[in-house]
Amino acid sequence: MSSWKRSTPSSRRWSATNWLRRPQPCPLPAPKRGPAGAWPTDTTVSPAPCTGLARRAPLVFPLPGRPAGPAQCPSRRAVPLPTRPRRCPDVNPDFPIRYIEPVFRPPSEADSLILPITNGCSWNKCTYCEMYTAPQKKFALRDEDETLESIRCLGEGYGRGVQRVFLGDGDAMALSTRRLMAVLEAIRTHLPGVRRISSYCLPRNVRSKSVADLTALREAGLSLAYVGAESGDDEVLRKVNKGETFESTRDALDKLGAAGITRSVMLLNGLGGPTLSSAHAENSARLANATQPEFLATLVVSFPQGEARFRANFPEWEPLDLPALFREMETFLQALELKRTVFRSDHASNWLVLKGTLGADKERLLAQVRTAIAAPQNAPLRPAWMRGL
């Protein structure tokens, strides 16, 4: 999938702040410490404990295994938590979801309940993506009975408090239509307050479903699909072992659009290096123009775990410096012919944050990029320490 989710530590920091628009005092005790006062050390499979943070509507949920104490509850006024779920067999009674870490989500899902229905990614061969390379993230479908029981138990305790659900991990469409329908129907039955259900989707698995199947999923509640296209250039896609082409990605996005599912497309700035920068920018714009997605986001390619895996298949690749990154963005924006697409480059990996609607804001966004090229000292560039990579 996309590097949209790659910067886990940064994503988690932002998750914590997004839970609390205004921090509130904690009405519950912090998790108990283990032997010798240490926090539990199991980070592979861990049910999420209470974080020690009071939660405000819309109800959101703690990250797995994250310790917290009174020092994290600097607040003025207590807000009561919803009633805890009653005990359900074989699940954590306080929070009945079993996470296999690390867990990823798009930035816009910070206030969502993350409900894992798969583990890892069914492709998991993209050389730029480090998200699911840990041994415990080997791809598998999560147990159906466990998933449905978790939803039921959440409904007992949180009911209408849950407003958004993100289906994890990297590839919800790997499930059969029948299994996805069972999950969506359980959410509708036990969590009636949910207004949006979203997931990551690989183009190959979207194409394996008919428009009728996708329409049924949309009618059952699946309203938003995040698709990591990464590039519209076939040579770039081949070199990063994406397993897709311009045409295969376009066909998947067209299927989602025909079914009425909102599409959020992610592209990677700098993925082609200097040699393929122009082709990457121009063909990525061509893909966006051909599909007219409702949302479009760019990230900057980065390798927190090192470049060796990526360079094995793309040895001539070199990272773009800031002026080159901005020139690639200028080429991309200039070639876009969009009608009503919300555009963002606000992920932690981006140096220059851009926000607008294309095409209405095209000239304004181009002016911001050109300012960053001509006079970077006058551009609102994100400091390196804030990029969280």
Protein backbone atom coordinates (compact mmCIF):
# COMPACT_ATOMS: atom_id res chain seq x y z
CA MET A 1 0.00 0.00 0.00
CA SER A 2 1.01 3.57 0.41
CA SER A 3 3.48 5.36 2.64
CA TRP A 4 0.43 7.33 3.81
CA LYS A 5 0.61 5.18 6.90
CA ARG A 6 4.31 4.67 7.17
CA SER A 7 5.26 7.08 9.96
CA THR A 8 3.74 5.11 12.81
CA PRO A 9 5.24 7.09 15.74
CA SER A 10 4.04 10.39 14.28
CA SER A 11 0.63 8.96 13.48
CA ARG A 12 0.28 7.76 17.05
CA ARG A 13 1.24 11.11 18.49
CA TRP A 14 -1.37 12.80 16.36
CA SER A 15 -3.90 10.10 17.29
CA ALA A 16 -3.46 10.91 20.94
CA THR A 17 -3.99 14.63 20.43
CA ASN A 18 -6.93 14.10 18.14
CA TRP A 19 -8.74 12.04 20.77
CA LEU A 20 -8.90 15.14 22.92
CA ARG A 21 -9.78 18.41 21.34
CA ARG A 22 -9.38 19.66 24.90
CA PRO A 23 -7.66 17.35 27.40
CA GLN A 24 -9.92 16.16 30.20
CA PRO A 25 -9.11 14.60 33.57
CA CYS A 26 -9.10 10.84 33.62
CA PRO A 27 -12.01 9.28 35.53
CA LEU A 28 -10.42 5.82 35.36
CA PRO A 29 -7.18 4.57 36.89
CA ALA A 30 -4.18 4.07 34.64
CA PRO A 31 -3.30 0.48 33.66
CA LYS A 32 -1.62 -1.56 36.36
CA ARG A 33 2.13 -1.91 36.12
CA GLY A 34 3.82 -5.26 35.79
CA PRO A 35 6.68 -6.71 37.83
CA ALA A 36 9.20 -4.20 39.15
CA GLY A 37 6.90 -1.35 38.17
CA ALA A 38 7.38 -1.92 34.45
CA TRP A 39 4.69 -1.56 31.87
CA PRO A 40 3.73 -4.76 30.04
CA THR A 41 6.27 -5.47 27.30
CA ASP A 42 4.25 -7.59 24.85
CA THR A 43 4.07 -5.42 21.72
CA THR A 44 3.21 -8.13 19.22
CA VAL A 45 -0.35 -8.95 20.19
CA SER A 46 -1.97 -6.68 22.73
CA PRO A 47 -5.53 -5.71 23.55
CA ALA A 48 -5.77 -1.98 24.09
CA PRO A 49 -5.94 -0.90 27.74
CA CYS A 50 -7.53 2.26 29.00
CA THR A 51 -5.06 5.02 28.17
CA GLY A 52 -5.92 7.08 31.20
CA LEU A 53 -7.42 9.72 28.93
CA ALA A 54 -11.02 10.83 29.18
CA ARG A 55 -12.77 10.71 25.82
CA ARG A 56 -15.21 13.17 24.35
CA ALA A 57 -17.76 12.62 21.60
CA PRO A 58 -17.20 11.53 18.92
CA LEU A 59 -15.98 8.50 20.85
CA VAL A 60 -12.56 7.26 19.82
CA PHE A 61 -10.40 4.51 21.17
CA PRO A 62 -6.95 4.01 22.71
CA LEU A 63 -3.96 2.70 20.84
CA PRO A 64 -2.91 -0.85 21.75
CA GLY A 65 -0.27 -1.19 24.41
CA ARG A 66 0.16 2.55 24.98
CA PRO A 67 0.86 3.25 28.68
CA ALA A 68 -0.60 6.31 30.28
CA GLY A 69 -0.86 7.78 33.71
CA PRO A 70 -2.22 10.80 35.55
CA ALA A 71 0.46 13.04 34.02
CA GLN A 72 -1.24 12.55 30.64
CA CYS A 73 -4.55 13.87 31.90
CA PRO A 74 -3.88 17.61 32.44
CA SER A 75 -7.42 18.87 32.37
CA ARG A 76 -9.95 21.25 33.74
CA ARG A 77 -13.17 19.30 33.74
CA ALA A 78 -14.10 15.63 33.81
CA VAL A 79 -16.34 14.13 31.16
CA PRO A 80 -17.84 10.73 32.08
CA LEU A 81 -16.81 7.80 29.92
CA PRO A 82 -19.46 5.60 28.33
CA THR A 83 -20.40 2.46 30.19
CA ARG A 84 -17.75 -0.21 29.76
CA PRO A 85 -18.73 -3.23 27.69
CA ARG A 86 -20.02 -6.21 29.63
CA ARG A 87 -17.81 -9.25 29.66
CA CYS A 88 -17.77 -11.15 26.38
CA PRO A 89 -16.11 -14.56 26.11
CA ASP A 90 -12.48 -14.67 25.01
CA VAL A 91 -12.03 -10.91 24.59
CA ASN A 92 -10.74 -8.06 26.72
CA PRO A 93 -13.79 -6.84 28.65
CA ASP A 94 -12.57 -3.24 28.60
CA PHE A 95 -11.82 -3.06 24.89
CA PRO A 96 -12.74 -6.17 22.91
CA ILE A 97 -10.42 -5.87 19.91
CA ARG A 98 -7.17 -7.81 19.55
CA TYR A 99 -4.57 -5.76 17.68
CA ILE A 100 -1.41 -7.12 16.09
CA GLU A 101 1.08 -4.28 16.11
CA PRO A 102 2.07 -2.11 14.37
CA VAL A 103 -1.34 -0.77 13.42
CA PHE A 104 -1.73 1.82 10.65
CA ARG A 105 -4.46 4.17 9.49
CA PRO A 106 -4.77 7.28 7.29
CA PRO A 107 -4.42 10.64 9.08
CA SER A 108 -8.09 11.41 8.45
CA GLU A 109 -9.09 8.32 10.46
CA ALA A 110 -7.67 9.68 13.73
CA ASP A 111 -11.13 9.74 15.31
CA SER A 112 -12.18 6.34 13.99
CA LEU A 113 -12.49 2.97 15.64
CA ILE A 114 -9.89 0.75 13.97
CA LEU A 115 -11.45 -2.67 13.42
CA PRO A 116 -8.94 -5.21 12.01
CA ILE A 117 -10.50 -7.69 9.59
CA THR A 118 -7.24 -8.74 7.92
CA ASN A 119 -3.64 -8.82 9.11
CA GLY A 120 -0.99 -7.29 6.87
CA CYS A 121 -1.23 -6.88 3.09
CA SER A 122 -2.11 -9.56 0.54
CA TRP A 123 0.51 -8.22 -1.93
CA ASN A 124 3.22 -6.90 0.39
CA LYS A 125 5.88 -6.77 -2.34
CA CYS A 126 6.08 -3.02 -2.94
CA THR A 127 9.71 -2.07 -2.32
CA TYR A 128 8.89 1.40 -0.97
CA CYS A 129 6.51 0.12 1.74
CA GLU A 130 7.79 -1.03 5.14
CA MET A 131 4.45 -1.21 6.89
CA TYR A 132 3.85 -4.93 6.91
CA THR A 133 7.38 -6.34 6.77
CA ALA A 134 7.48 -7.43 10.44
CA PRO A 135 7.05 -11.22 10.90
CA GLN A 136 3.86 -10.85 12.91
CA LYS A 137 2.28 -8.86 10.05
CA LYS A 138 2.26 -11.78 7.60
CA PHE A 139 -0.96 -11.60 5.63
CA ALA A 140 -3.96 -13.51 6.94
CA LEU A 141 -7.69 -13.04 7.17
CA ARG A 142 -8.78 -12.38 10.72
CA ASP A 143 -11.07 -14.97 12.28
CA GLU A 144 -14.63 -14.15 11.26
CA ASP A 145 -16.23 -15.23 14.53
CA GLU A 146 -13.74 -13.16 16.54
CA THR A 147 -14.43 -10.08 14.42
CA LEU A 148 -18.20 -10.39 14.74
CA GLU A 149 -17.94 -11.02 18.49
CA SER A 150 -15.76 -7.92 18.89
CA ILE A 151 -18.38 -5.83 17.10
CA ARG A 152 -21.14 -7.25 19.29
CA CYS A 153 -19.21 -6.54 22.49
CA LEU A 154 -18.38 -3.01 21.37
CA GLY A 155 -22.06 -2.45 20.75
CA GLU A 156 -22.91 -3.52 24.31
CA GLY A 157 -20.66 -0.91 25.83
CA TYR A 158 -20.38 1.92 23.35
CA GLY A 159 -23.55 1.68 21.28
CA ARG A 160 -24.18 4.91 19.43
CA GLY A 161 -20.93 6.47 20.64
CA VAL A 162 -18.96 5.11 17.68
CA GLN A 163 -19.41 7.31 14.62
CA ARG A 164 -16.63 6.16 12.28
CA VAL A 165 -15.03 2.77 11.66
CA PHE A 166 -11.84 2.05 9.71
CA LEU A 167 -11.45 -1.57 8.57
CA GLY A 168 -7.81 -2.61 9.03
CA ASP A 169 -5.21 -3.77 8.07
CA GLY A 170 -3.95 -3.01 4.59
CA ASP A 171 -6.43 -4.83 2.42
CA ALA A 172 -10.09 -5.18 3.39
CA MET A 173 -11.11 -6.07 -0.17
CA ALA A 174 -9.17 -9.33 0.17
CA LEU A 175 -12.20 -10.67 2.02
CA SER A 176 -15.00 -12.21 0.03
CA THR A 177 -18.07 -10.10 -0.55
CA ARG A 178 -20.01 -12.40 1.78
CA ARG A 179 -17.60 -11.87 4.67
CA LEU A 180 -17.43 -8.13 4.12
CA MET A 181 -21.22 -7.97 4.09
CA ALA A 182 -21.33 -9.88 7.39
CA VAL A 183 -18.96 -7.35 8.99
CA LEU A 184 -20.88 -4.36 7.63
CA GLU A 185 -24.22 -5.77 8.73
CA ALA A 186 -22.85 -6.44 12.23
CA ILE A 187 -21.63 -2.85 12.45
CA ARG A 188 -25.03 -1.56 11.37
CA THR A 189 -26.79 -3.80 13.91
CA HIS A 190 -24.59 -3.30 16.97
CA LEU A 191 -23.09 0.16 16.33
CA PRO A 192 -26.05 2.11 14.98
CA GLY A 193 -24.33 5.46 15.45
CA VAL A 194 -21.73 4.74 12.75
CA ARG A 195 -21.95 7.21 9.87
CA ARG A 196 -18.83 6.27 7.90
CA ILE A 197 -16.98 3.01 7.24
CA SER A 198 -13.72 3.10 5.31
CA SER A 199 -10.77 0.88 4.41
CA TYR A 200 -7.56 0.58 2.43
CA CYS A 201 -8.10 -1.20 -0.89
CA LEU A 202 -5.62 -2.73 -3.33
CA PRO A 203 -6.59 -2.14 -6.98
CA ARG A 204 -6.18 -5.86 -7.76
CA ASN A 205 -8.73 -6.86 -5.14
CA VAL A 206 -11.17 -4.14 -6.16
CA ARG A 207 -11.02 -5.46 -9.73
CA SER A 208 -11.82 -8.97 -8.49
CA LYS A 209 -15.26 -7.77 -7.40
CA SER A 210 -18.11 -6.84 -9.72
CA VAL A 211 -19.70 -3.42 -9.73
CA ALA A 212 -22.81 -5.11 -8.31
CA ASP A 213 -20.77 -6.50 -5.40
CA LEU A 214 -19.18 -3.12 -4.73
CA THR A 215 -22.58 -1.43 -4.91
CA ALA A 216 -23.94 -3.90 -2.35
CA LEU A 217 -21.00 -3.13 -0.06
CA ARG A 218 -21.64 0.58 -0.41
CA GLU A 219 -25.32 0.13 0.37
CA ALA A 220 -24.33 -1.89 3.46
CA GLY A 221 -22.18 1.00 4.70
CA LEU A 222 -18.72 0.93 3.07
CA SER A 223 -18.53 4.53 1.92
CA LEU A 224 -14.83 5.41 1.50
CA ALA A 225 -11.89 3.54 -0.06
CA TYR A 226 -8.25 4.64 0.29
CA VAL A 227 -6.29 3.51 -2.77
CA GLY A 228 -2.50 3.76 -2.87
CA ALA A 229 -1.92 4.37 -6.58
CA GLU A 230 1.58 5.79 -5.85
CA SER A 231 2.20 6.66 -9.54
CA GLY A 232 0.51 6.66 -12.90
CA ASP A 233 3.73 5.83 -14.73
CA ASP A 234 4.15 2.18 -15.72
CA GLU A 235 7.95 2.27 -15.55
CA VAL A 236 7.94 3.68 -12.02
CA LEU A 237 5.34 1.11 -10.96
CA ARG A 238 7.46 -1.69 -12.41
CA LYS A 239 10.62 -0.54 -10.66
CA VAL A 240 8.93 -0.38 -7.26
CA ASN A 241 7.22 -3.76 -7.79
CA LYS A 242 3.75 -2.32 -7.30
CA GLY A 243 2.11 -5.10 -9.27
CA GLU A 244 -0.18 -2.59 -11.00
CA THR A 245 -0.19 -0.46 -14.15
CA PHE A 246 -1.84 2.79 -15.17
CA GLU A 247 -4.71 0.83 -16.72
CA SER A 248 -5.21 -1.61 -13.84
CA THR A 249 -5.35 1.22 -11.29
CA ARG A 250 -7.66 3.28 -13.49
CA ASP A 251 -10.02 0.32 -13.92
CA ALA A 252 -10.19 -0.25 -10.15
CA LEU A 253 -10.91 3.42 -9.45
CA ASP A 254 -13.57 3.47 -12.15
CA LYS A 255 -15.25 0.43 -10.57
CA LEU A 256 -15.34 2.08 -7.17
CA GLY A 257 -16.74 5.25 -8.72
CA ALA A 258 -19.41 3.33 -10.61
CA ALA A 259 -20.48 1.70 -7.33
CA GLY A 260 -20.77 5.08 -5.61
CA ILE A 261 -17.88 4.51 -3.18
CA THR A 262 -15.89 7.65 -2.42
CA ARG A 263 -12.26 7.33 -3.54
CA SER A 264 -9.23 8.79 -1.79
CA VAL A 265 -6.15 8.33 -3.98
CA MET A 266 -2.58 8.54 -2.68
CA LEU A 267 0.52 9.37 -4.76
CA LEU A 268 4.20 9.45 -3.76
CA ASN A 269 6.20 12.58 -4.55
CA GLY A 270 9.79 11.66 -5.47
CA LEU A 271 9.09 7.97 -6.14
CA GLY A 272 10.69 8.05 -9.60
CA GLY A 273 13.87 9.81 -8.55
CA PRO A 274 15.51 12.35 -10.91
CA THR A 275 15.44 10.14 -14.00
CA LEU A 276 11.70 9.44 -13.96
CA SER A 277 10.49 12.56 -12.17
CA SER A 278 8.78 14.19 -15.17
CA ALA A 279 7.12 10.97 -16.36
CA HIS A 280 5.99 10.20 -12.81
CA ALA A 281 4.40 13.64 -12.37
CA GLU A 282 2.76 13.79 -15.80
CA ASN A 283 1.34 10.27 -15.79
CA SER A 284 0.16 10.55 -12.19
CA ALA A 285 -1.77 13.66 -13.24
CA ARG A 286 -3.10 11.73 -16.24
CA LEU A 287 -4.40 9.00 -13.88
CA ALA A 288 -6.13 11.57 -11.68
CA ASN A 289 -7.65 13.31 -14.71
CA ALA A 290 -8.95 10.01 -16.07
CA THR A 291 -10.64 8.96 -12.81
CA GLN A 292 -11.59 12.27 -11.13
CA PRO A 293 -11.31 10.95 -7.54
CA GLU A 294 -13.16 12.73 -4.78
CA PHE A 295 -9.97 13.04 -2.68
CA LEU A 296 -6.33 13.17 -3.77
CA ALA A 297 -3.26 13.26 -1.53
CA THR A 298 0.49 13.35 -2.10
CA LEU A 299 3.18 12.13 0.29
CA VAL A 300 6.95 12.23 0.01
CA VAL A 301 8.64 8.85 -0.37
CA SER A 302 10.82 8.02 2.64
CA PHE A 303 12.61 5.01 4.10
CA PRO A 304 12.78 4.99 7.91
CA GLN A 305 14.29 1.47 7.80
CA GLY A 306 16.83 2.26 5.08
CA GLU A 307 16.92 2.19 1.28
CA ALA A 308 18.54 -1.22 0.63
CA ARG A 309 15.30 -3.05 -0.13
CA PHE A 310 14.13 -0.30 -2.45
CA ARG A 311 17.43 0.08 -4.31
CA ALA A 312 17.71 -3.66 -5.00
CA ASN A 313 15.13 -3.24 -7.76
CA PHE A 314 15.81 0.42 -8.58
CA PRO A 315 19.60 0.89 -8.21
CA GLU A 316 19.76 4.15 -10.18
CA TRP A 317 17.25 5.86 -7.91
CA GLU A 318 18.37 8.91 -5.94
CA PRO A 319 16.25 11.03 -3.61
CA LEU A 320 15.10 14.39 -4.90
CA ASP A 321 16.30 17.47 -3.06
CA LEU A 322 13.73 20.04 -1.98
CA PRO A 323 13.81 22.18 -5.16
CA ALA A 324 13.42 19.04 -7.29
CA LEU A 325 10.52 17.80 -5.13
CA PHE A 326 8.78 21.13 -5.55
CA ARG A 327 9.42 21.21 -9.31
CA GLU A 328 7.89 17.74 -9.58
CA MET A 329 4.87 18.96 -7.64
CA GLU A 330 4.60 21.98 -9.95
CA THR A 331 4.62 19.71 -13.02
CA PHE A 332 1.97 17.50 -11.43
CA LEU A 333 -0.35 20.35 -10.43
CA GLN A 334 0.06 22.09 -13.78
CA ALA A 335 -1.06 18.94 -15.63
CA LEU A 336 -4.14 18.32 -13.46
CA GLU A 337 -7.57 18.92 -14.97
CA LEU A 338 -9.86 18.13 -12.07
CA LYS A 339 -13.37 19.40 -11.41
CA ARG A 340 -14.25 18.79 -7.75
CA THR A 341 -11.37 16.97 -6.08
CA VAL A 342 -10.26 17.81 -2.54
CA PHE A 343 -6.44 17.90 -2.59
CA ARG A 344 -4.10 17.57 0.38
CA SER A 345 -0.36 17.29 0.92
CA ASP A 346 -0.52 17.47 4.71
CA HIS A 347 0.87 14.06 5.69
CA ALA A 348 3.86 14.22 8.04
CA SER A 349 6.25 13.32 5.20
CA ASN A 350 5.54 16.54 3.27
CA TRP A 351 7.77 19.57 3.59
CA LEU A 352 5.22 21.92 2.05
CA VAL A 353 1.60 21.63 3.19
CA LEU A 354 -0.91 22.27 0.40
CA LYS A 355 -4.70 22.24 0.80
CA GLY A 356 -7.39 23.11 -1.68
CA THR A 357 -10.05 21.99 -4.10
CA LEU A 358 -9.06 21.27 -7.68
CA GLY A 359 -9.56 22.80 -10.07
CA ALA A 360 -10.89 25.92 -8.19
CA ASP A 361 -7.67 26.41 -6.20
CA LYS A 362 -5.18 25.27 -8.83
CA GLU A 363 -3.55 28.66 -9.44
CA ARG A 364 -3.28 29.40 -5.72
CA LEU A 365 -1.60 26.06 -5.04
CA LEU A 366 0.76 26.54 -7.99
CA ALA A 367 1.70 29.97 -6.63
CA GLN A 368 2.57 28.41 -3.25
CA VAL A 369 4.77 25.80 -4.91
CA ARG A 370 6.50 28.39 -7.11
CA THR A 371 7.22 30.53 -4.07
CA ALA A 372 8.84 27.52 -2.40
CA ILE A 373 11.01 26.99 -5.50
CA ALA A 374 12.04 30.62 -5.97
CA ALA A 375 12.28 31.75 -2.35
CA PRO A 376 12.19 28.81 0.07
CA GLN A 377 13.05 31.16 2.92
CA ASN A 378 9.63 32.77 2.42
CA ALA A 379 7.70 29.50 2.17
CA PRO A 380 6.03 27.92 5.22
CA LEU A 381 8.11 24.75 5.10
CA ARG A 382 7.62 22.13 7.80
CA PRO A 383 10.71 21.74 10.03
CA ALA A 384 12.49 18.40 9.72
CA TRP A 385 11.74 17.50 13.35
CA MET A 386 8.00 17.81 12.70
CA ARG A 387 8.03 15.31 9.84
CA GLY A 388 8.07 12.45 12.33
CA LEU A 389 10.03 10.07 10.13
